[in-house]
Amino acid sequence: MTQISRLTRTAIAALALTGAAIAASPALAGNTCKNVFLEFTNNSGQTINIVDVDYWDPARGSRGGWRSEPVRNETLRNGAAWRETRNLEKVNQRQTRVRFEYRIRGKLGGWSVKKYHYTTGTQVCSERASFRASLR
């Protein structure tokens, strides 16, 4: 075995052990609120376009702040619902709320430049929690 292949094997083993230690760390894994069900129903009487979903992290910065869960823009007709299951980082067992951002049809038929928001009530985020909102 050459000197280089021994060094390569040692480096690979060290990287693998480091990765396993990080993945097993309860401090890192414990902050994620897993398998959170998000649902936003459009009962506004018009078609809307979902553009983003954010959630509140009370420990972000000195006063808390929003964290983004980027979503693909999706058009929702009246009566339709957008649903996804996500992992929300940094908010496990913390009070949080979800904010759905959407656009409405503009005067010329395209989507409005302005984003509108609808925010759920606050609740403790735990595994398999549900955040549901209905736009009226």
N, C-alpha and C. Protein backbone atom coordinates (compact mmCIF):
# COMPACT_ATOMS: atom_id res chain seq x y z
N MET A 1 0.86 -1.17 0.00
CA MET A 1 0.00 0.00 0.00
C MET A 1 0.91 1.23 0.00
N THR A 2 0.60 2.18 -0.86
CA THR A 2 1.44 3.37 -0.95
C THR A 2 1.09 4.36 0.14
N GLN A 3 2.01 5.31 0.33
CA GLN A 3 1.81 6.35 1.36
C GLN A 3 0.56 7.16 1.06
N ILE A 4 0.30 7.49 -0.21
CA ILE A 4 -0.87 8.31 -0.59
C ILE A 4 -2.16 7.55 -0.34
N SER A 5 -2.22 6.28 -0.70
CA SER A 5 -3.47 5.54 -0.48
C SER A 5 -3.76 5.38 1.01
N ARG A 6 -2.71 5.23 1.85
CA ARG A 6 -2.92 5.16 3.29
C ARG A 6 -3.47 6.49 3.82
N LEU A 7 -2.92 7.60 3.34
CA LEU A 7 -3.42 8.91 3.75
C LEU A 7 -4.86 9.12 3.29
N THR A 8 -5.16 8.69 2.09
CA THR A 8 -6.52 8.83 1.56
C THR A 8 -7.50 8.03 2.41
N ARG A 9 -7.15 6.80 2.73
CA ARG A 9 -8.03 5.96 3.55
C ARG A 9 -8.22 6.57 4.94
N THR A 10 -7.17 7.10 5.52
CA THR A 10 -7.26 7.74 6.83
C THR A 10 -8.16 8.97 6.77
N ALA A 11 -8.00 9.77 5.73
CA ALA A 11 -8.83 10.97 5.58
C ALA A 11 -10.30 10.60 5.40
N ILE A 12 -10.57 9.59 4.61
CA ILE A 12 -11.96 9.15 4.38
C ILE A 12 -12.57 8.64 5.68
N ALA A 13 -11.81 7.87 6.43
CA ALA A 13 -12.32 7.35 7.71
C ALA A 13 -12.59 8.48 8.69
N ALA A 14 -11.71 9.47 8.73
CA ALA A 14 -11.91 10.61 9.64
C ALA A 14 -13.15 11.40 9.25
N LEU A 15 -13.34 11.61 7.96
CA LEU A 15 -14.54 12.32 7.50
C LEU A 15 -15.81 11.54 7.83
N ALA A 16 -15.77 10.23 7.66
CA ALA A 16 -16.94 9.41 7.96
C ALA A 16 -17.28 9.48 9.45
N LEU A 17 -16.29 9.40 10.30
CA LEU A 17 -16.54 9.48 11.74
C LEU A 17 -17.06 10.85 12.14
N THR A 18 -16.52 11.90 11.55
CA THR A 18 -17.01 13.26 11.85
C THR A 18 -18.46 13.40 11.42
N GLY A 19 -18.78 12.91 10.24
CA GLY A 19 -20.17 12.98 9.75
C GLY A 19 -21.12 12.21 10.64
N ALA A 20 -20.71 11.04 11.09
CA ALA A 20 -21.57 10.24 11.97
C ALA A 20 -21.77 10.93 13.31
N ALA A 21 -20.74 11.56 13.84
CA ALA A 21 -20.86 12.25 15.12
C ALA A 21 -21.81 13.44 15.01
N ILE A 22 -21.70 14.17 13.93
CA ILE A 22 -22.59 15.32 13.73
C ILE A 22 -24.03 14.86 13.57
N ALA A 23 -24.25 13.82 12.78
CA ALA A 23 -25.61 13.33 12.55
C ALA A 23 -26.24 12.79 13.83
N ALA A 24 -25.44 12.24 14.71
CA ALA A 24 -25.98 11.66 15.94
C ALA A 24 -26.13 12.66 17.06
N SER A 25 -25.66 13.86 16.87
CA SER A 25 -25.70 14.86 17.93
C SER A 25 -27.13 15.24 18.29
N PRO A 26 -27.58 15.00 19.52
CA PRO A 26 -28.94 15.33 19.90
C PRO A 26 -29.19 16.83 19.90
N ALA A 27 -28.17 17.62 20.13
CA ALA A 27 -28.37 19.08 20.14
C ALA A 27 -28.76 19.58 18.76
N LEU A 28 -28.20 18.98 17.73
CA LEU A 28 -28.54 19.41 16.38
C LEU A 28 -29.85 18.79 15.92
N ALA A 29 -30.03 17.51 16.17
CA ALA A 29 -31.22 16.82 15.70
C ALA A 29 -32.47 17.23 16.47
N GLY A 30 -32.32 17.60 17.74
CA GLY A 30 -33.46 17.88 18.58
C GLY A 30 -34.16 19.19 18.31
N ASN A 31 -33.56 20.08 17.54
CA ASN A 31 -34.18 21.38 17.28
C ASN A 31 -35.16 21.36 16.12
N THR A 32 -35.19 20.29 15.35
CA THR A 32 -36.05 20.24 14.18
C THR A 32 -37.41 19.68 14.54
N CYS A 33 -38.43 20.42 14.19
CA CYS A 33 -39.82 19.99 14.37
C CYS A 33 -40.18 19.19 13.12
N LYS A 34 -40.29 17.88 13.26
CA LYS A 34 -40.36 16.99 12.09
C LYS A 34 -41.79 16.68 11.67
N ASN A 35 -41.93 16.46 10.36
CA ASN A 35 -43.18 16.01 9.74
C ASN A 35 -44.36 16.91 10.10
N VAL A 36 -44.16 18.20 9.94
CA VAL A 36 -45.20 19.18 10.24
C VAL A 36 -46.11 19.32 9.02
N PHE A 37 -47.40 19.16 9.25
CA PHE A 37 -48.39 19.25 8.17
C PHE A 37 -48.84 20.70 8.03
N LEU A 38 -48.70 21.23 6.82
CA LEU A 38 -49.11 22.60 6.52
C LEU A 38 -50.25 22.56 5.52
N GLU A 39 -51.30 23.33 5.78
CA GLU A 39 -52.44 23.36 4.87
C GLU A 39 -52.98 24.79 4.78
N PHE A 40 -53.16 25.25 3.55
CA PHE A 40 -53.70 26.59 3.30
C PHE A 40 -54.83 26.44 2.29
N THR A 41 -56.06 26.70 2.73
CA THR A 41 -57.24 26.55 1.89
C THR A 41 -57.68 27.92 1.40
N ASN A 42 -57.95 28.01 0.11
CA ASN A 42 -58.39 29.26 -0.50
C ASN A 42 -59.91 29.30 -0.54
N ASN A 43 -60.51 30.07 0.33
CA ASN A 43 -61.96 30.30 0.32
C ASN A 43 -62.24 31.79 0.12
N SER A 44 -61.40 32.44 -0.68
CA SER A 44 -61.48 33.89 -0.86
C SER A 44 -62.50 34.31 -1.93
N GLY A 45 -62.95 33.35 -2.74
CA GLY A 45 -63.85 33.69 -3.84
C GLY A 45 -63.11 34.02 -5.12
N GLN A 46 -61.78 34.00 -5.08
CA GLN A 46 -60.99 34.28 -6.28
C GLN A 46 -59.78 33.35 -6.33
N THR A 47 -59.13 33.28 -7.48
CA THR A 47 -57.92 32.48 -7.63
C THR A 47 -56.74 33.24 -7.04
N ILE A 48 -55.87 32.52 -6.33
CA ILE A 48 -54.66 33.12 -5.75
C ILE A 48 -53.45 32.30 -6.17
N ASN A 49 -52.27 32.83 -5.89
CA ASN A 49 -51.02 32.14 -6.20
C ASN A 49 -50.15 32.11 -4.95
N ILE A 50 -49.93 30.91 -4.39
CA ILE A 50 -49.06 30.74 -3.21
C ILE A 50 -47.62 30.98 -3.67
N VAL A 51 -46.88 31.84 -2.96
CA VAL A 51 -45.50 32.13 -3.37
C VAL A 51 -44.46 31.81 -2.30
N ASP A 52 -44.85 31.71 -1.03
CA ASP A 52 -43.87 31.41 0.01
C ASP A 52 -44.57 31.00 1.30
N VAL A 53 -43.87 30.24 2.11
CA VAL A 53 -44.34 29.87 3.44
C VAL A 53 -43.20 30.17 4.41
N ASP A 54 -43.51 30.88 5.48
CA ASP A 54 -42.53 31.22 6.51
C ASP A 54 -43.04 30.72 7.86
N TYR A 55 -42.12 30.53 8.80
CA TYR A 55 -42.53 30.19 10.16
C TYR A 55 -41.72 31.01 11.15
N TRP A 56 -42.32 31.28 12.29
CA TRP A 56 -41.73 32.15 13.30
C TRP A 56 -40.80 31.38 14.21
N ASP A 57 -39.57 31.87 14.35
CA ASP A 57 -38.60 31.30 15.27
C ASP A 57 -38.38 32.32 16.39
N PRO A 58 -38.93 32.06 17.59
CA PRO A 58 -38.83 33.04 18.67
C PRO A 58 -37.40 33.29 19.14
N ALA A 59 -36.48 32.38 18.85
CA ALA A 59 -35.09 32.53 19.31
C ALA A 59 -34.19 33.17 18.25
N ARG A 60 -34.73 33.51 17.10
CA ARG A 60 -33.91 34.09 16.04
C ARG A 60 -33.67 35.57 16.34
N GLY A 61 -32.43 35.94 16.49
CA GLY A 61 -32.10 37.32 16.82
C GLY A 61 -32.56 37.67 18.23
N SER A 62 -32.57 38.93 18.55
CA SER A 62 -32.94 39.35 19.90
C SER A 62 -34.45 39.36 20.11
N ARG A 63 -35.22 39.47 19.04
CA ARG A 63 -36.68 39.54 19.17
C ARG A 63 -37.42 38.44 18.41
N GLY A 64 -36.70 37.48 17.88
CA GLY A 64 -37.33 36.46 17.06
C GLY A 64 -37.34 36.90 15.61
N GLY A 65 -37.72 35.99 14.72
CA GLY A 65 -37.76 36.33 13.31
C GLY A 65 -38.35 35.21 12.47
N TRP A 66 -38.63 35.52 11.24
CA TRP A 66 -39.23 34.56 10.32
C TRP A 66 -38.16 33.74 9.63
N ARG A 67 -38.42 32.45 9.46
CA ARG A 67 -37.59 31.55 8.67
C ARG A 67 -38.41 31.13 7.45
N SER A 68 -37.77 31.07 6.32
CA SER A 68 -38.48 30.76 5.08
C SER A 68 -38.45 29.26 4.77
N GLU A 69 -39.56 28.76 4.29
CA GLU A 69 -39.68 27.42 3.72
C GLU A 69 -40.07 27.63 2.27
N PRO A 70 -39.11 27.80 1.37
CA PRO A 70 -39.45 28.11 -0.01
C PRO A 70 -40.36 27.03 -0.62
N VAL A 71 -41.32 27.50 -1.37
CA VAL A 71 -42.25 26.59 -2.05
C VAL A 71 -42.34 26.99 -3.52
N ARG A 72 -42.73 26.05 -4.34
CA ARG A 72 -42.96 26.33 -5.74
C ARG A 72 -44.26 27.13 -5.85
N ASN A 73 -44.24 28.19 -6.64
CA ASN A 73 -45.46 28.97 -6.83
C ASN A 73 -46.56 28.05 -7.36
N GLU A 74 -47.72 28.13 -6.73
CA GLU A 74 -48.83 27.25 -7.11
C GLU A 74 -50.13 28.04 -7.11
N THR A 75 -50.88 27.88 -8.18
CA THR A 75 -52.16 28.56 -8.32
C THR A 75 -53.24 27.75 -7.62
N LEU A 76 -54.04 28.44 -6.79
CA LEU A 76 -55.14 27.79 -6.07
C LEU A 76 -56.46 28.44 -6.47
N ARG A 77 -57.33 27.66 -7.07
CA ARG A 77 -58.67 28.17 -7.35
C ARG A 77 -59.45 28.25 -6.05
N ASN A 78 -60.54 28.98 -6.08
CA ASN A 78 -61.40 29.08 -4.90
C ASN A 78 -61.84 27.68 -4.47
N GLY A 79 -61.72 27.38 -3.20
CA GLY A 79 -62.10 26.08 -2.66
C GLY A 79 -60.97 25.06 -2.65
N ALA A 80 -59.85 25.35 -3.32
CA ALA A 80 -58.72 24.41 -3.37
C ALA A 80 -57.81 24.60 -2.16
N ALA A 81 -57.04 23.57 -1.86
CA ALA A 81 -56.11 23.62 -0.72
C ALA A 81 -54.70 23.26 -1.17
N TRP A 82 -53.72 23.94 -0.59
CA TRP A 82 -52.31 23.62 -0.75
C TRP A 82 -51.89 22.87 0.51
N ARG A 83 -51.24 21.71 0.32
CA ARG A 83 -50.84 20.88 1.46
C ARG A 83 -49.43 20.35 1.25
N GLU A 84 -48.65 20.39 2.31
CA GLU A 84 -47.31 19.79 2.29
C GLU A 84 -46.92 19.41 3.71
N THR A 85 -46.00 18.46 3.81
CA THR A 85 -45.41 18.09 5.09
C THR A 85 -43.95 18.50 5.05
N ARG A 86 -43.51 19.23 6.07
CA ARG A 86 -42.16 19.78 6.09
C ARG A 86 -41.52 19.56 7.45
N ASN A 87 -40.19 19.67 7.49
CA ASN A 87 -39.43 19.72 8.74
C ASN A 87 -39.08 21.18 8.99
N LEU A 88 -39.47 21.71 10.13
CA LEU A 88 -39.19 23.10 10.47
C LEU A 88 -38.01 23.15 11.44
N GLU A 89 -36.91 23.72 10.98
CA GLU A 89 -35.68 23.75 11.78
C GLU A 89 -35.75 24.78 12.90
N LYS A 90 -35.09 24.46 13.99
CA LYS A 90 -34.86 25.36 15.12
C LYS A 90 -36.08 25.67 15.99
N VAL A 91 -37.23 25.07 15.75
CA VAL A 91 -38.43 25.44 16.52
C VAL A 91 -39.09 24.27 17.24
N ASN A 92 -38.42 23.13 17.36
CA ASN A 92 -39.03 21.99 18.04
C ASN A 92 -39.33 22.36 19.50
N GLN A 93 -40.56 22.10 19.92
CA GLN A 93 -41.04 22.38 21.28
C GLN A 93 -41.02 23.88 21.61
N ARG A 94 -41.14 24.71 20.59
CA ARG A 94 -41.22 26.16 20.79
C ARG A 94 -42.52 26.69 20.23
N GLN A 95 -42.95 27.81 20.76
CA GLN A 95 -44.14 28.49 20.25
C GLN A 95 -43.81 29.04 18.86
N THR A 96 -44.60 28.68 17.87
CA THR A 96 -44.38 29.19 16.52
C THR A 96 -45.70 29.39 15.82
N ARG A 97 -45.65 30.01 14.68
CA ARG A 97 -46.81 30.21 13.82
C ARG A 97 -46.31 30.18 12.39
N VAL A 98 -47.23 29.96 11.45
CA VAL A 98 -46.87 29.86 10.04
C VAL A 98 -47.53 30.99 9.28
N ARG A 99 -46.77 31.58 8.36
CA ARG A 99 -47.28 32.67 7.53
C ARG A 99 -47.26 32.21 6.07
N PHE A 100 -48.43 32.23 5.45
CA PHE A 100 -48.56 31.89 4.04
C PHE A 100 -48.55 33.19 3.23
N GLU A 101 -47.71 33.27 2.20
CA GLU A 101 -47.65 34.45 1.34
C GLU A 101 -48.27 34.09 0.00
N TYR A 102 -49.08 35.00 -0.51
CA TYR A 102 -49.76 34.74 -1.78
C TYR A 102 -49.95 36.04 -2.55
N ARG A 103 -50.30 35.89 -3.82
CA ARG A 103 -50.62 37.02 -4.69
C ARG A 103 -52.03 36.82 -5.23
N ILE A 104 -52.67 37.92 -5.58
CA ILE A 104 -53.99 37.86 -6.20
C ILE A 104 -53.87 38.33 -7.65
N ARG A 105 -54.93 38.14 -8.41
CA ARG A 105 -54.92 38.60 -9.81
C ARG A 105 -54.87 40.12 -9.84
N GLY A 106 -54.03 40.64 -10.72
CA GLY A 106 -53.94 42.08 -10.90
C GLY A 106 -54.99 42.57 -11.88
N LYS A 107 -55.03 43.87 -12.07
CA LYS A 107 -56.02 44.48 -12.96
C LYS A 107 -55.84 44.07 -14.42
N LEU A 108 -54.61 43.74 -14.81
CA LEU A 108 -54.34 43.37 -16.20
C LEU A 108 -54.32 41.86 -16.41
N GLY A 109 -54.71 41.09 -15.40
CA GLY A 109 -54.80 39.64 -15.54
C GLY A 109 -53.63 38.86 -14.99
N GLY A 110 -52.47 39.50 -14.80
CA GLY A 110 -51.32 38.82 -14.21
C GLY A 110 -51.44 38.82 -12.70
N TRP A 111 -50.39 38.35 -12.03
CA TRP A 111 -50.39 38.32 -10.57
C TRP A 111 -49.95 39.67 -10.02
N SER A 112 -50.51 40.03 -8.89
CA SER A 112 -50.18 41.31 -8.25
C SER A 112 -48.70 41.34 -7.87
N VAL A 113 -48.13 42.52 -7.88
CA VAL A 113 -46.76 42.70 -7.42
C VAL A 113 -46.73 42.55 -5.90
N LYS A 114 -47.73 43.08 -5.26
CA LYS A 114 -47.83 43.02 -3.80
C LYS A 114 -48.07 41.59 -3.34
N LYS A 115 -47.38 41.22 -2.25
CA LYS A 115 -47.62 39.93 -1.60
C LYS A 115 -48.55 40.16 -0.43
N TYR A 116 -49.51 39.26 -0.28
CA TYR A 116 -50.43 39.30 0.86
C TYR A 116 -50.03 38.18 1.81
N HIS A 117 -50.36 38.33 3.08
CA HIS A 117 -49.98 37.34 4.09
C HIS A 117 -51.21 36.87 4.86
N TYR A 118 -51.15 35.60 5.25
CA TYR A 118 -52.15 35.06 6.16
C TYR A 118 -51.37 34.23 7.18
N THR A 119 -51.52 34.56 8.46
CA THR A 119 -50.74 33.92 9.51
C THR A 119 -51.64 33.09 10.42
N THR A 120 -51.18 31.88 10.73
CA THR A 120 -51.93 31.00 11.63
C THR A 120 -51.80 31.51 13.06
N GLY A 121 -52.56 30.90 13.96
CA GLY A 121 -52.38 31.16 15.38
C GLY A 121 -51.08 30.54 15.86
N THR A 122 -50.67 30.89 17.06
CA THR A 122 -49.43 30.39 17.64
C THR A 122 -49.70 29.10 18.40
N GLN A 123 -48.79 28.14 18.25
CA GLN A 123 -48.88 26.87 18.98
C GLN A 123 -47.49 26.30 19.14
N VAL A 124 -47.34 25.33 20.05
CA VAL A 124 -46.07 24.65 20.23
C VAL A 124 -45.86 23.71 19.05
N CYS A 125 -44.69 23.79 18.45
CA CYS A 125 -44.37 22.91 17.33
C CYS A 125 -43.80 21.60 17.88
N SER A 126 -44.43 20.51 17.52
CA SER A 126 -43.95 19.19 17.93
C SER A 126 -44.07 18.27 16.72
N GLU A 127 -43.46 17.10 16.82
CA GLU A 127 -43.50 16.17 15.70
C GLU A 127 -44.94 15.89 15.28
N ARG A 128 -45.18 15.94 13.98
CA ARG A 128 -46.49 15.72 13.35
C ARG A 128 -47.53 16.79 13.71
N ALA A 129 -47.07 17.96 14.08
CA ALA A 129 -48.00 19.07 14.35
C ALA A 129 -48.67 19.48 13.04
N SER A 130 -49.80 20.14 13.15
CA SER A 130 -50.53 20.65 11.98
C SER A 130 -50.76 22.14 12.13
N PHE A 131 -50.50 22.86 11.06
CA PHE A 131 -50.81 24.28 10.97
C PHE A 131 -51.73 24.45 9.78
N ARG A 132 -52.97 24.84 10.07
CA ARG A 132 -53.98 24.98 9.01
C ARG A 132 -54.51 26.40 9.00
N ALA A 133 -54.77 26.89 7.79
CA ALA A 133 -55.34 28.23 7.65
C ALA A 133 -56.31 28.21 6.48
N SER A 134 -57.34 29.03 6.60
CA SER A 134 -58.34 29.15 5.54
C SER A 134 -58.52 30.62 5.22
N LEU A 135 -58.16 31.00 4.00
CA LEU A 135 -58.31 32.38 3.55
C LEU A 135 -59.75 32.63 3.19
N ARG A 136 -60.35 33.65 3.77
CA ARG A 136 -61.74 34.00 3.49
C ARG A 136 -61.82 35.36 2.89
